Amino acid sequence: MANRILIWHKSSPSAVLPIYYAERDYTPAKLRIMAGNAPRAKEFWVDIKDDGVSILSDRAATHQRWSEKYTTLGYNTLATSTFRVGESVSGGTSSAAGIVRSDGHGNMELSMTTAASFADGETITGATSTATAKVISSARGSTNISAITTDSPITRTVLALGQSLEDMADLFDGEVTIEEGSLITCDVEQMGDAGNVTVQLELESLTDEGDESD
C-alpha cells in the first residue's frame, strides 16, 4: 500500500508542474498515467526525476506512428446549412459519429469517433452547423499504428497513441531509494496532442509512517 501519492496534472503544454520534497526516505512503487484526451498524432513522454536523476527503468526506445484512412460518406438532400470542417456529424439511425475533415459536392471525409458505422439512407446532422443530409453511400476508414524500436536505451515512459490510461507505466523493483531531502519532479518531454494528463507516483515509506496524498 502506498504511503504517499504524488500527483502532477498537465492541463496544457504551458502548465507548470509542482516540485515535491521528500520529508523521509521512500521507495517508488508504481507510476500511472491518465489522459482526458488520448494522444493521436504524437505520444506523451514523461520522466520522473529525483534531484535531477531519472528513477525510471532503462528500456528500448520505441516510437509509434499513427496513420488514418478517413471514412467517406456520399450524401444528398442537404438542408438548413452546409457541413463545417472540424464539427462532429452523427447518424440518426446508426448513432455513428465522426469529425469532418473535408466536405464538398455531396462527399465528406471523417475521422470516426464511434465504433458504429454510418448506414445508407439514414439522416446525418452536423453538431455545429445543424446541417442535415441523407447518406447514399459510405466506406469505413481505418487506422494503422506502427512501431519503430531503436537500440539506444531511454528512461522516459510513454502513453501510447490512442490510449487514455497506462496503469503500469513503471513497476519498480524496490532497488530505487528516494532519500529524505530529495526534490521529486515530473519532466514532460513531449506533450503531443494529449490533453488533461495526470501522472501519479506511488511511494512506499521506508520508515512505515502514516499515509499522505499530494
N, C-alpha and C. Protein backbone atom coordinates (compact mmCIF):
# COMPACT_ATOMS: atom_id res chain seq x y z
N MET A 1 0.84 -1.20 0.00
CA MET A 1 0.00 0.00 0.00
C MET A 1 0.88 1.25 0.00
N ALA A 2 0.52 2.23 -0.83
CA ALA A 2 1.31 3.45 -0.93
C ALA A 2 1.16 4.28 0.34
N ASN A 3 2.27 4.85 0.81
CA ASN A 3 2.24 5.77 1.94
C ASN A 3 2.09 7.22 1.50
N ARG A 4 2.46 7.48 0.25
CA ARG A 4 2.34 8.84 -0.29
C ARG A 4 2.13 8.73 -1.79
N ILE A 5 1.23 9.56 -2.31
CA ILE A 5 0.96 9.59 -3.74
C ILE A 5 1.22 11.00 -4.25
N LEU A 6 2.16 11.14 -5.17
CA LEU A 6 2.46 12.43 -5.78
C LEU A 6 1.66 12.56 -7.07
N ILE A 7 1.04 13.72 -7.27
CA ILE A 7 0.15 13.93 -8.41
C ILE A 7 0.59 15.16 -9.19
N TRP A 8 0.79 14.97 -10.49
CA TRP A 8 1.07 16.09 -11.40
C TRP A 8 -0.03 16.13 -12.45
N HIS A 9 -0.62 17.30 -12.67
CA HIS A 9 -1.68 17.44 -13.68
C HIS A 9 -1.22 18.41 -14.75
N LYS A 10 -1.13 17.92 -15.96
CA LYS A 10 -0.69 18.71 -17.12
C LYS A 10 -1.92 19.02 -17.97
N SER A 11 -2.55 20.16 -17.71
CA SER A 11 -3.78 20.51 -18.44
C SER A 11 -3.49 21.08 -19.82
N SER A 12 -2.27 21.61 -20.00
CA SER A 12 -1.87 22.19 -21.28
C SER A 12 -0.35 22.18 -21.35
N PRO A 13 0.24 22.36 -22.55
CA PRO A 13 1.69 22.36 -22.66
C PRO A 13 2.38 23.40 -21.78
N SER A 14 1.69 24.51 -21.48
CA SER A 14 2.30 25.59 -20.70
C SER A 14 2.10 25.43 -19.19
N ALA A 15 1.32 24.44 -18.77
CA ALA A 15 1.04 24.26 -17.34
C ALA A 15 2.33 23.95 -16.57
N VAL A 16 2.53 24.64 -15.45
CA VAL A 16 3.70 24.44 -14.60
C VAL A 16 3.40 23.36 -13.57
N LEU A 17 4.30 22.38 -13.46
CA LEU A 17 4.08 21.25 -12.57
C LEU A 17 4.78 21.47 -11.23
N PRO A 18 4.20 20.96 -10.14
CA PRO A 18 4.80 21.15 -8.82
C PRO A 18 6.06 20.32 -8.61
N ILE A 19 6.88 20.75 -7.68
CA ILE A 19 8.07 20.02 -7.24
C ILE A 19 7.79 19.54 -5.81
N TYR A 20 8.02 18.25 -5.56
CA TYR A 20 7.73 17.69 -4.24
C TYR A 20 9.01 17.44 -3.45
N TYR A 21 8.89 17.63 -2.14
CA TYR A 21 10.01 17.43 -1.22
C TYR A 21 9.80 16.11 -0.48
N ALA A 22 10.84 15.29 -0.43
CA ALA A 22 10.77 14.02 0.30
C ALA A 22 11.15 14.28 1.76
N GLU A 23 10.16 14.21 2.64
CA GLU A 23 10.39 14.52 4.06
C GLU A 23 10.97 13.32 4.82
N ARG A 24 11.02 12.16 4.14
CA ARG A 24 11.69 10.98 4.69
C ARG A 24 12.07 10.06 3.53
N ASP A 25 12.70 8.96 3.80
CA ASP A 25 13.13 8.03 2.75
C ASP A 25 11.94 7.26 2.19
N TYR A 26 11.92 7.13 0.86
CA TYR A 26 10.86 6.39 0.18
C TYR A 26 11.48 5.46 -0.86
N THR A 27 10.68 4.48 -1.27
CA THR A 27 10.99 3.73 -2.49
C THR A 27 9.78 3.84 -3.41
N PRO A 28 9.96 4.13 -4.70
CA PRO A 28 8.82 4.23 -5.62
C PRO A 28 8.21 2.86 -5.86
N ALA A 29 6.87 2.83 -5.94
CA ALA A 29 6.16 1.55 -6.09
C ALA A 29 5.48 1.41 -7.44
N LYS A 30 4.85 2.49 -7.92
CA LYS A 30 4.07 2.37 -9.15
C LYS A 30 3.88 3.75 -9.77
N LEU A 31 3.90 3.79 -11.09
CA LEU A 31 3.66 5.02 -11.85
C LEU A 31 2.45 4.81 -12.75
N ARG A 32 1.55 5.80 -12.74
CA ARG A 32 0.30 5.70 -13.52
C ARG A 32 0.13 6.98 -14.33
N ILE A 33 -0.34 6.84 -15.59
CA ILE A 33 -0.62 7.99 -16.44
C ILE A 33 -2.06 7.91 -16.93
N MET A 34 -2.80 9.01 -16.79
CA MET A 34 -4.19 9.08 -17.26
C MET A 34 -4.38 10.34 -18.09
N ALA A 35 -5.12 10.23 -19.19
CA ALA A 35 -5.33 11.39 -20.07
C ALA A 35 -6.81 11.57 -20.35
N GLY A 36 -7.28 12.82 -20.22
CA GLY A 36 -8.65 13.12 -20.61
C GLY A 36 -8.84 12.98 -22.10
N ASN A 37 -7.80 13.36 -22.86
CA ASN A 37 -7.79 13.20 -24.32
C ASN A 37 -6.56 12.39 -24.70
N ALA A 38 -6.77 11.21 -25.23
CA ALA A 38 -5.66 10.33 -25.59
C ALA A 38 -4.84 10.93 -26.73
N PRO A 39 -3.52 10.72 -26.73
CA PRO A 39 -2.70 11.20 -27.85
C PRO A 39 -3.05 10.46 -29.13
N ARG A 40 -3.06 11.19 -30.25
CA ARG A 40 -3.39 10.56 -31.54
C ARG A 40 -2.29 10.76 -32.57
N ALA A 41 -1.66 11.93 -32.57
CA ALA A 41 -0.62 12.19 -33.55
C ALA A 41 0.78 11.95 -33.00
N LYS A 42 1.00 12.28 -31.72
CA LYS A 42 2.29 12.08 -31.07
C LYS A 42 2.07 11.51 -29.68
N GLU A 43 2.96 10.61 -29.26
CA GLU A 43 2.87 10.02 -27.94
C GLU A 43 3.14 11.06 -26.86
N PHE A 44 2.70 10.74 -25.64
CA PHE A 44 3.01 11.54 -24.46
C PHE A 44 4.20 10.90 -23.76
N TRP A 45 5.29 11.68 -23.58
CA TRP A 45 6.51 11.17 -22.95
C TRP A 45 6.73 11.87 -21.62
N VAL A 46 7.09 11.10 -20.60
CA VAL A 46 7.33 11.70 -19.29
C VAL A 46 8.45 10.96 -18.56
N ASP A 47 9.20 11.70 -17.75
CA ASP A 47 10.25 11.11 -16.92
C ASP A 47 10.07 11.65 -15.50
N ILE A 48 10.34 10.82 -14.51
CA ILE A 48 10.27 11.22 -13.10
C ILE A 48 11.70 11.26 -12.57
N LYS A 49 12.05 12.38 -11.93
CA LYS A 49 13.44 12.55 -11.50
C LYS A 49 13.55 12.84 -10.01
N ASP A 50 14.61 12.30 -9.43
CA ASP A 50 14.98 12.52 -8.03
C ASP A 50 16.25 13.35 -8.04
N ASP A 51 16.14 14.65 -7.64
CA ASP A 51 17.27 15.58 -7.71
C ASP A 51 17.91 15.58 -9.09
N GLY A 52 17.05 15.58 -10.12
CA GLY A 52 17.52 15.69 -11.49
C GLY A 52 17.94 14.39 -12.15
N VAL A 53 17.87 13.27 -11.43
CA VAL A 53 18.27 11.97 -11.97
C VAL A 53 17.03 11.08 -12.10
N SER A 54 16.85 10.47 -13.27
CA SER A 54 15.67 9.65 -13.51
C SER A 54 15.61 8.45 -12.57
N ILE A 55 14.41 8.14 -12.10
CA ILE A 55 14.20 6.94 -11.28
C ILE A 55 13.58 5.81 -12.10
N LEU A 56 13.35 6.05 -13.40
CA LEU A 56 12.69 5.05 -14.23
C LEU A 56 13.68 4.04 -14.78
N SER A 57 13.16 2.89 -15.16
CA SER A 57 13.99 1.81 -15.69
C SER A 57 14.43 2.11 -17.11
N ASP A 58 15.65 1.70 -17.47
CA ASP A 58 16.09 1.80 -18.86
C ASP A 58 15.25 0.87 -19.72
N ARG A 59 14.94 1.32 -20.92
CA ARG A 59 14.18 0.48 -21.85
C ARG A 59 14.54 0.86 -23.27
N ALA A 60 14.20 -0.01 -24.19
CA ALA A 60 14.45 0.31 -25.60
C ALA A 60 13.55 1.47 -26.02
N ALA A 61 14.09 2.32 -26.87
CA ALA A 61 13.31 3.46 -27.34
C ALA A 61 12.39 3.01 -28.47
N THR A 62 11.07 3.05 -28.21
CA THR A 62 10.09 2.66 -29.20
C THR A 62 9.17 3.84 -29.49
N HIS A 63 9.02 4.18 -30.73
CA HIS A 63 8.16 5.27 -31.14
C HIS A 63 7.05 4.71 -32.03
N GLN A 64 5.86 5.29 -31.87
CA GLN A 64 4.72 4.84 -32.67
C GLN A 64 4.37 5.88 -33.73
N ARG A 65 3.92 5.38 -34.86
CA ARG A 65 3.40 6.25 -35.91
C ARG A 65 1.94 5.90 -36.16
N TRP A 66 1.12 6.91 -36.25
CA TRP A 66 -0.33 6.74 -36.43
C TRP A 66 -0.70 7.26 -37.80
N SER A 67 -1.35 6.44 -38.58
CA SER A 67 -1.86 6.91 -39.87
C SER A 67 -3.33 6.53 -39.95
N GLU A 68 -4.07 7.36 -40.63
CA GLU A 68 -5.53 7.16 -40.68
C GLU A 68 -6.05 7.30 -42.10
N LYS A 69 -6.90 6.35 -42.49
CA LYS A 69 -7.64 6.45 -43.73
C LYS A 69 -9.04 6.89 -43.37
N TYR A 70 -9.45 8.06 -43.84
CA TYR A 70 -10.72 8.62 -43.42
C TYR A 70 -11.91 7.82 -43.94
N THR A 71 -12.99 7.86 -43.16
CA THR A 71 -14.28 7.33 -43.61
C THR A 71 -14.86 8.31 -44.63
N THR A 72 -15.43 7.78 -45.70
CA THR A 72 -16.03 8.64 -46.72
C THR A 72 -17.54 8.43 -46.74
N LEU A 73 -18.25 9.53 -46.89
CA LEU A 73 -19.71 9.49 -47.00
C LEU A 73 -20.14 10.22 -48.26
N GLY A 74 -21.06 9.62 -49.00
CA GLY A 74 -21.75 10.31 -50.08
C GLY A 74 -23.14 10.66 -49.58
N TYR A 75 -23.61 11.87 -49.88
CA TYR A 75 -24.92 12.28 -49.35
C TYR A 75 -25.64 13.18 -50.35
N ASN A 76 -26.97 13.31 -50.15
CA ASN A 76 -27.77 14.25 -50.93
C ASN A 76 -28.83 14.87 -50.02
N THR A 77 -29.76 15.60 -50.61
CA THR A 77 -30.83 16.31 -49.89
C THR A 77 -30.28 17.12 -48.72
N LEU A 78 -29.20 17.87 -48.96
CA LEU A 78 -28.62 18.75 -47.94
C LEU A 78 -29.63 19.83 -47.58
N ALA A 79 -29.80 20.08 -46.28
CA ALA A 79 -30.78 21.07 -45.83
C ALA A 79 -30.22 21.91 -44.68
N THR A 80 -30.83 23.07 -44.48
CA THR A 80 -30.57 24.01 -43.38
C THR A 80 -29.27 24.81 -43.58
N SER A 81 -28.18 24.13 -43.82
CA SER A 81 -26.88 24.79 -43.92
C SER A 81 -25.92 23.86 -44.65
N THR A 82 -24.63 24.13 -44.54
CA THR A 82 -23.61 23.22 -45.07
C THR A 82 -22.76 22.72 -43.91
N PHE A 83 -22.22 21.54 -44.06
CA PHE A 83 -21.38 20.97 -43.02
C PHE A 83 -20.06 21.74 -42.91
N ARG A 84 -19.50 21.76 -41.71
CA ARG A 84 -18.28 22.52 -41.46
C ARG A 84 -17.13 21.59 -41.10
N VAL A 85 -15.98 21.87 -41.64
CA VAL A 85 -14.78 21.10 -41.28
C VAL A 85 -14.49 21.30 -39.79
N GLY A 86 -14.27 20.20 -39.09
CA GLY A 86 -13.98 20.24 -37.65
C GLY A 86 -15.17 19.96 -36.77
N GLU A 87 -16.38 19.99 -37.32
CA GLU A 87 -17.54 19.70 -36.47
C GLU A 87 -17.82 18.20 -36.43
N SER A 88 -18.59 17.79 -35.45
CA SER A 88 -19.00 16.40 -35.33
C SER A 88 -20.29 16.18 -36.11
N VAL A 89 -20.33 15.08 -36.85
CA VAL A 89 -21.52 14.70 -37.60
C VAL A 89 -21.98 13.35 -37.08
N SER A 90 -23.28 13.21 -36.82
CA SER A 90 -23.81 11.95 -36.26
C SER A 90 -24.95 11.42 -37.11
N GLY A 91 -25.12 10.10 -37.06
CA GLY A 91 -26.19 9.44 -37.80
C GLY A 91 -27.41 9.22 -36.93
N GLY A 92 -28.57 9.55 -37.46
CA GLY A 92 -29.80 9.45 -36.68
C GLY A 92 -30.25 8.04 -36.40
N THR A 93 -29.86 7.09 -37.24
CA THR A 93 -30.26 5.69 -37.05
C THR A 93 -29.15 4.86 -36.43
N SER A 94 -27.94 5.01 -36.93
CA SER A 94 -26.82 4.16 -36.51
C SER A 94 -26.15 4.63 -35.22
N SER A 95 -26.34 5.93 -34.89
CA SER A 95 -25.63 6.57 -33.76
C SER A 95 -24.13 6.68 -34.02
N ALA A 96 -23.71 6.45 -35.26
CA ALA A 96 -22.32 6.66 -35.63
C ALA A 96 -22.01 8.14 -35.59
N ALA A 97 -20.72 8.47 -35.37
CA ALA A 97 -20.32 9.86 -35.34
C ALA A 97 -18.87 9.98 -35.79
N GLY A 98 -18.54 11.15 -36.33
CA GLY A 98 -17.17 11.41 -36.77
C GLY A 98 -16.93 12.89 -36.91
N ILE A 99 -15.64 13.26 -36.97
CA ILE A 99 -15.25 14.66 -37.15
C ILE A 99 -15.00 14.92 -38.63
N VAL A 100 -15.60 15.96 -39.17
CA VAL A 100 -15.47 16.29 -40.59
C VAL A 100 -14.05 16.77 -40.88
N ARG A 101 -13.38 16.11 -41.82
CA ARG A 101 -12.05 16.52 -42.25
C ARG A 101 -12.09 17.28 -43.58
N SER A 102 -13.03 16.94 -44.45
CA SER A 102 -13.23 17.69 -45.68
C SER A 102 -14.67 17.46 -46.14
N ASP A 103 -15.19 18.42 -46.90
CA ASP A 103 -16.57 18.31 -47.37
C ASP A 103 -16.75 19.13 -48.64
N GLY A 104 -17.51 18.55 -49.59
CA GLY A 104 -17.81 19.29 -50.80
C GLY A 104 -18.47 18.43 -51.85
N HIS A 105 -19.44 19.01 -52.54
CA HIS A 105 -20.10 18.35 -53.67
C HIS A 105 -20.71 17.01 -53.29
N GLY A 106 -21.31 16.94 -52.10
CA GLY A 106 -22.00 15.73 -51.70
C GLY A 106 -21.10 14.60 -51.24
N ASN A 107 -19.84 14.91 -50.99
CA ASN A 107 -18.90 13.90 -50.48
C ASN A 107 -18.18 14.46 -49.26
N MET A 108 -18.01 13.62 -48.25
CA MET A 108 -17.43 14.04 -46.99
C MET A 108 -16.41 13.03 -46.52
N GLU A 109 -15.34 13.51 -45.88
CA GLU A 109 -14.37 12.64 -45.23
C GLU A 109 -14.41 12.91 -43.73
N LEU A 110 -14.37 11.85 -42.93
CA LEU A 110 -14.48 11.99 -41.48
C LEU A 110 -13.47 11.12 -40.75
N SER A 111 -13.08 11.56 -39.56
CA SER A 111 -12.38 10.71 -38.60
C SER A 111 -13.43 10.17 -37.64
N MET A 112 -13.60 8.86 -37.61
CA MET A 112 -14.64 8.27 -36.79
C MET A 112 -14.33 8.41 -35.30
N THR A 113 -15.37 8.68 -34.51
CA THR A 113 -15.23 8.75 -33.06
C THR A 113 -16.07 7.69 -32.35
N THR A 114 -16.72 6.84 -33.12
CA THR A 114 -17.51 5.74 -32.56
C THR A 114 -17.17 4.44 -33.28
N ALA A 115 -17.51 3.33 -32.63
CA ALA A 115 -17.31 2.02 -33.26
C ALA A 115 -18.39 1.76 -34.30
N ALA A 116 -19.56 2.38 -34.12
CA ALA A 116 -20.66 2.20 -35.07
C ALA A 116 -20.33 2.87 -36.40
N SER A 117 -20.85 2.32 -37.49
CA SER A 117 -20.64 2.86 -38.83
C SER A 117 -21.93 3.49 -39.36
N PHE A 118 -21.80 4.47 -40.23
CA PHE A 118 -22.96 5.11 -40.82
C PHE A 118 -23.70 4.13 -41.74
N ALA A 119 -25.03 4.32 -41.82
CA ALA A 119 -25.88 3.42 -42.61
C ALA A 119 -26.45 4.17 -43.81
N ASP A 120 -26.48 3.51 -44.95
CA ASP A 120 -27.09 4.11 -46.14
C ASP A 120 -28.55 4.43 -45.87
N GLY A 121 -28.99 5.62 -46.28
CA GLY A 121 -30.38 6.01 -46.13
C GLY A 121 -30.69 6.78 -44.87
N GLU A 122 -29.77 6.77 -43.92
CA GLU A 122 -30.05 7.49 -42.68
C GLU A 122 -29.76 8.98 -42.82
N THR A 123 -30.32 9.77 -41.92
CA THR A 123 -30.08 11.21 -41.89
C THR A 123 -28.90 11.52 -40.99
N ILE A 124 -27.99 12.34 -41.48
CA ILE A 124 -26.86 12.79 -40.67
C ILE A 124 -27.06 14.26 -40.32
N THR A 125 -26.54 14.66 -39.15
CA THR A 125 -26.72 16.03 -38.66
C THR A 125 -25.39 16.58 -38.16
N GLY A 126 -25.09 17.81 -38.53
CA GLY A 126 -23.89 18.48 -38.04
C GLY A 126 -24.14 19.12 -36.69
N ALA A 127 -23.28 18.88 -35.73
CA ALA A 127 -23.50 19.36 -34.37
C ALA A 127 -23.43 20.88 -34.28
N THR A 128 -22.58 21.51 -35.09
CA THR A 128 -22.42 22.97 -35.05
C THR A 128 -23.26 23.66 -36.10
N SER A 129 -23.21 23.15 -37.31
CA SER A 129 -23.91 23.80 -38.43
C SER A 129 -25.41 23.52 -38.42
N THR A 130 -25.82 22.43 -37.77
CA THR A 130 -27.19 21.88 -37.79
C THR A 130 -27.63 21.44 -39.18
N ALA A 131 -26.68 21.38 -40.12
CA ALA A 131 -26.99 20.90 -41.47
C ALA A 131 -27.42 19.44 -41.40
N THR A 132 -28.32 19.05 -42.28
CA THR A 132 -28.76 17.65 -42.36
C THR A 132 -28.66 17.19 -43.81
N ALA A 133 -28.50 15.88 -43.97
CA ALA A 133 -28.45 15.29 -45.30
C ALA A 133 -28.74 13.80 -45.17
N LYS A 134 -28.96 13.14 -46.31
CA LYS A 134 -29.23 11.71 -46.31
C LYS A 134 -28.05 10.97 -46.91
N VAL A 135 -27.59 9.94 -46.22
CA VAL A 135 -26.44 9.16 -46.66
C VAL A 135 -26.85 8.28 -47.85
N ILE A 136 -26.07 8.34 -48.94
CA ILE A 136 -26.35 7.47 -50.08
C ILE A 136 -25.24 6.43 -50.28
N SER A 137 -24.08 6.65 -49.65
CA SER A 137 -23.01 5.66 -49.71
C SER A 137 -22.04 5.93 -48.57
N SER A 138 -21.35 4.89 -48.12
CA SER A 138 -20.38 5.06 -47.05
C SER A 138 -19.30 3.99 -47.13
N ALA A 139 -18.10 4.37 -46.76
CA ALA A 139 -16.98 3.42 -46.72
C ALA A 139 -16.18 3.72 -45.46
N ARG A 140 -16.16 2.75 -44.56
CA ARG A 140 -15.48 2.94 -43.28
C ARG A 140 -13.97 3.02 -43.48
N GLY A 141 -13.34 4.00 -42.83
CA GLY A 141 -11.90 4.13 -42.89
C GLY A 141 -11.23 3.21 -41.87
N SER A 142 -9.93 3.38 -41.71
CA SER A 142 -9.17 2.53 -40.80
C SER A 142 -8.00 3.32 -40.24
N THR A 143 -7.42 2.81 -39.17
CA THR A 143 -6.22 3.40 -38.59
C THR A 143 -5.13 2.36 -38.56
N ASN A 144 -3.91 2.83 -38.61
CA ASN A 144 -2.77 1.93 -38.56
C ASN A 144 -1.71 2.51 -37.64
N ILE A 145 -1.25 1.70 -36.69
CA ILE A 145 -0.20 2.12 -35.78
C ILE A 145 1.01 1.23 -36.00
N SER A 146 2.14 1.85 -36.30
CA SER A 146 3.36 1.09 -36.49
C SER A 146 4.38 1.54 -35.45
N ALA A 147 5.25 0.63 -35.04
CA ALA A 147 6.24 0.92 -34.01
C ALA A 147 7.64 0.82 -34.59
N ILE A 148 8.50 1.75 -34.16
CA ILE A 148 9.90 1.75 -34.54
C ILE A 148 10.72 1.66 -33.26
N THR A 149 11.59 0.69 -33.16
CA THR A 149 12.41 0.49 -31.97
C THR A 149 13.88 0.74 -32.29
N THR A 150 14.55 1.48 -31.43
CA THR A 150 15.97 1.75 -31.59
C THR A 150 16.74 1.07 -30.46
N ASP A 151 18.04 0.95 -30.62
CA ASP A 151 18.86 0.26 -29.63
C ASP A 151 19.24 1.14 -28.45
N SER A 152 19.19 2.45 -28.61
CA SER A 152 19.61 3.36 -27.54
C SER A 152 18.60 3.33 -26.40
N PRO A 153 19.03 3.04 -25.16
CA PRO A 153 18.10 2.97 -24.04
C PRO A 153 17.62 4.36 -23.62
N ILE A 154 16.42 4.42 -23.10
CA ILE A 154 15.86 5.66 -22.58
C ILE A 154 15.27 5.39 -21.21
N THR A 155 14.99 6.45 -20.46
CA THR A 155 14.39 6.27 -19.14
C THR A 155 12.96 6.78 -19.07
N ARG A 156 12.51 7.49 -20.10
CA ARG A 156 11.14 8.00 -20.05
C ARG A 156 10.13 6.87 -20.19
N THR A 157 8.91 7.15 -19.77
CA THR A 157 7.81 6.23 -20.02
C THR A 157 6.80 6.92 -20.93
N VAL A 158 5.93 6.14 -21.55
CA VAL A 158 5.14 6.64 -22.68
C VAL A 158 3.67 6.30 -22.49
N LEU A 159 2.81 7.27 -22.86
CA LEU A 159 1.39 7.00 -23.05
C LEU A 159 1.20 6.87 -24.56
N ALA A 160 0.88 5.66 -25.01
CA ALA A 160 0.88 5.36 -26.44
C ALA A 160 -0.30 5.99 -27.16
N LEU A 161 -0.19 6.04 -28.47
CA LEU A 161 -1.24 6.61 -29.31
C LEU A 161 -2.55 5.88 -29.10
N GLY A 162 -3.61 6.66 -28.91
CA GLY A 162 -4.94 6.10 -28.75
C GLY A 162 -5.27 5.63 -27.35
N GLN A 163 -4.30 5.68 -26.43
CA GLN A 163 -4.54 5.21 -25.06
C GLN A 163 -4.80 6.38 -24.12
N SER A 164 -5.73 6.20 -23.20
CA SER A 164 -6.02 7.23 -22.20
C SER A 164 -5.60 6.80 -20.80
N LEU A 165 -5.13 5.55 -20.65
CA LEU A 165 -4.68 5.07 -19.35
C LEU A 165 -3.52 4.11 -19.51
N GLU A 166 -2.46 4.35 -18.75
CA GLU A 166 -1.35 3.41 -18.62
C GLU A 166 -1.19 3.17 -17.12
N ASP A 167 -1.78 2.05 -16.67
CA ASP A 167 -1.85 1.78 -15.24
C ASP A 167 -0.55 1.22 -14.68
N MET A 168 0.32 0.73 -15.55
CA MET A 168 1.60 0.19 -15.10
C MET A 168 2.72 0.80 -15.92
N ALA A 169 2.77 2.15 -15.92
CA ALA A 169 3.78 2.85 -16.70
C ALA A 169 5.18 2.47 -16.26
N ASP A 170 5.34 2.18 -14.98
CA ASP A 170 6.61 1.65 -14.48
C ASP A 170 6.34 0.92 -13.17
N LEU A 171 6.77 -0.33 -13.10
CA LEU A 171 6.70 -1.10 -11.86
C LEU A 171 8.12 -1.24 -11.34
N PHE A 172 8.37 -0.67 -10.20
CA PHE A 172 9.74 -0.59 -9.69
C PHE A 172 10.11 -1.88 -8.96
N ASP A 173 11.41 -2.18 -8.96
CA ASP A 173 11.89 -3.44 -8.38
C ASP A 173 12.30 -3.32 -6.92
N GLY A 174 12.08 -2.15 -6.31
CA GLY A 174 12.42 -1.98 -4.90
C GLY A 174 13.86 -1.59 -4.67
N GLU A 175 14.65 -1.47 -5.74
CA GLU A 175 16.06 -1.14 -5.58
C GLU A 175 16.31 0.37 -5.61
N VAL A 176 15.30 1.15 -5.98
CA VAL A 176 15.45 2.60 -6.04
C VAL A 176 15.04 3.21 -4.70
N THR A 177 15.87 4.10 -4.16
CA THR A 177 15.56 4.79 -2.92
C THR A 177 15.57 6.29 -3.17
N ILE A 178 14.49 6.95 -2.76
CA ILE A 178 14.42 8.41 -2.78
C ILE A 178 14.71 8.86 -1.36
N GLU A 179 15.83 9.50 -1.18
CA GLU A 179 16.29 9.83 0.17
C GLU A 179 15.62 11.09 0.71
N GLU A 180 15.51 11.16 2.02
CA GLU A 180 14.98 12.33 2.69
C GLU A 180 15.74 13.58 2.23
N GLY A 181 14.98 14.64 1.93
CA GLY A 181 15.57 15.88 1.45
C GLY A 181 15.63 16.01 -0.05
N SER A 182 15.27 14.94 -0.78
CA SER A 182 15.29 14.98 -2.25
C SER A 182 14.13 15.81 -2.80
N LEU A 183 14.33 16.35 -4.00
CA LEU A 183 13.27 17.04 -4.74
C LEU A 183 12.83 16.15 -5.89
N ILE A 184 11.54 15.88 -5.95
CA ILE A 184 10.98 14.96 -6.94
C ILE A 184 10.23 15.76 -7.99
N THR A 185 10.60 15.57 -9.25
CA THR A 185 10.00 16.35 -10.33
C THR A 185 9.44 15.45 -11.42
N CYS A 186 8.49 15.98 -12.15
CA CYS A 186 7.89 15.31 -13.31
C CYS A 186 8.28 16.10 -14.55
N ASP A 187 9.01 15.48 -15.44
CA ASP A 187 9.53 16.14 -16.64
C ASP A 187 8.77 15.63 -17.86
N VAL A 188 7.86 16.45 -18.38
CA VAL A 188 7.12 16.09 -19.60
C VAL A 188 8.00 16.41 -20.79
N GLU A 189 8.52 15.38 -21.44
CA GLU A 189 9.43 15.58 -22.56
C GLU A 189 8.68 15.84 -23.86
N GLN A 190 7.48 15.28 -23.98
CA GLN A 190 6.66 15.51 -25.18
C GLN A 190 5.20 15.41 -24.79
N MET A 191 4.49 16.52 -24.97
CA MET A 191 3.06 16.56 -24.66
C MET A 191 2.25 15.95 -25.79
N GLY A 192 2.74 16.14 -27.04
CA GLY A 192 1.97 15.66 -28.18
C GLY A 192 0.63 16.37 -28.23
N ASP A 193 -0.41 15.66 -28.63
CA ASP A 193 -1.74 16.24 -28.65
C ASP A 193 -2.62 15.65 -27.56
N ALA A 194 -1.98 15.06 -26.53
CA ALA A 194 -2.73 14.58 -25.37
C ALA A 194 -3.26 15.79 -24.59
N GLY A 195 -4.36 15.59 -23.89
CA GLY A 195 -4.95 16.68 -23.12
C GLY A 195 -5.34 16.26 -21.72
N ASN A 196 -5.20 17.19 -20.78
CA ASN A 196 -5.57 16.94 -19.38
C ASN A 196 -4.96 15.64 -18.86
N VAL A 197 -3.65 15.60 -18.85
CA VAL A 197 -2.92 14.40 -18.44
C VAL A 197 -2.57 14.48 -16.95
N THR A 198 -2.82 13.40 -16.24
CA THR A 198 -2.46 13.29 -14.82
C THR A 198 -1.45 12.17 -14.65
N VAL A 199 -0.36 12.46 -13.96
CA VAL A 199 0.67 11.48 -13.66
C VAL A 199 0.68 11.26 -12.15
N GLN A 200 0.61 10.00 -11.72
CA GLN A 200 0.62 9.67 -10.30
C GLN A 200 1.79 8.75 -9.99
N LEU A 201 2.53 9.10 -8.95
CA LEU A 201 3.64 8.27 -8.49
C LEU A 201 3.33 7.80 -7.07
N GLU A 202 3.25 6.49 -6.89
CA GLU A 202 3.00 5.93 -5.57
C GLU A 202 4.34 5.63 -4.89
N LEU A 203 4.46 6.08 -3.66
CA LEU A 203 5.68 5.90 -2.89
C LEU A 203 5.40 5.08 -1.63
N GLU A 204 6.34 4.23 -1.27
CA GLU A 204 6.25 3.48 -0.03
C GLU A 204 7.34 3.97 0.91
N SER A 205 6.92 4.33 2.11
CA SER A 205 7.86 4.84 3.09
C SER A 205 8.78 3.72 3.59
N LEU A 206 10.04 4.06 3.78
CA LEU A 206 10.98 3.09 4.34
C LEU A 206 11.02 3.16 5.86
N THR A 207 10.14 4.04 6.43
CA THR A 207 10.05 4.15 7.90
C THR A 207 8.67 3.81 8.41
N ASP A 208 7.78 3.33 7.49
CA ASP A 208 6.44 2.85 7.87
C ASP A 208 5.64 3.86 8.69
N GLU A 209 5.65 5.13 8.24
CA GLU A 209 4.83 6.12 8.91
C GLU A 209 3.52 6.31 8.16
N GLY A 210 2.72 7.34 8.51
CA GLY A 210 1.35 7.50 8.02
C GLY A 210 1.23 7.72 6.54
N ASP A 211 0.00 7.61 6.03
CA ASP A 211 -0.30 7.79 4.61
C ASP A 211 -0.49 9.25 4.27
N GLU A 212 -0.10 9.63 3.04
CA GLU A 212 -0.28 11.00 2.57
C GLU A 212 -0.63 11.00 1.09
N SER A 213 -1.30 12.07 0.67
CA SER A 213 -1.55 12.28 -0.76
C SER A 213 -1.34 13.75 -1.05
N ASP A 214 -0.62 14.06 -2.15
CA ASP A 214 -0.35 15.46 -2.53
C ASP A 214 -1.16 15.83 -3.74
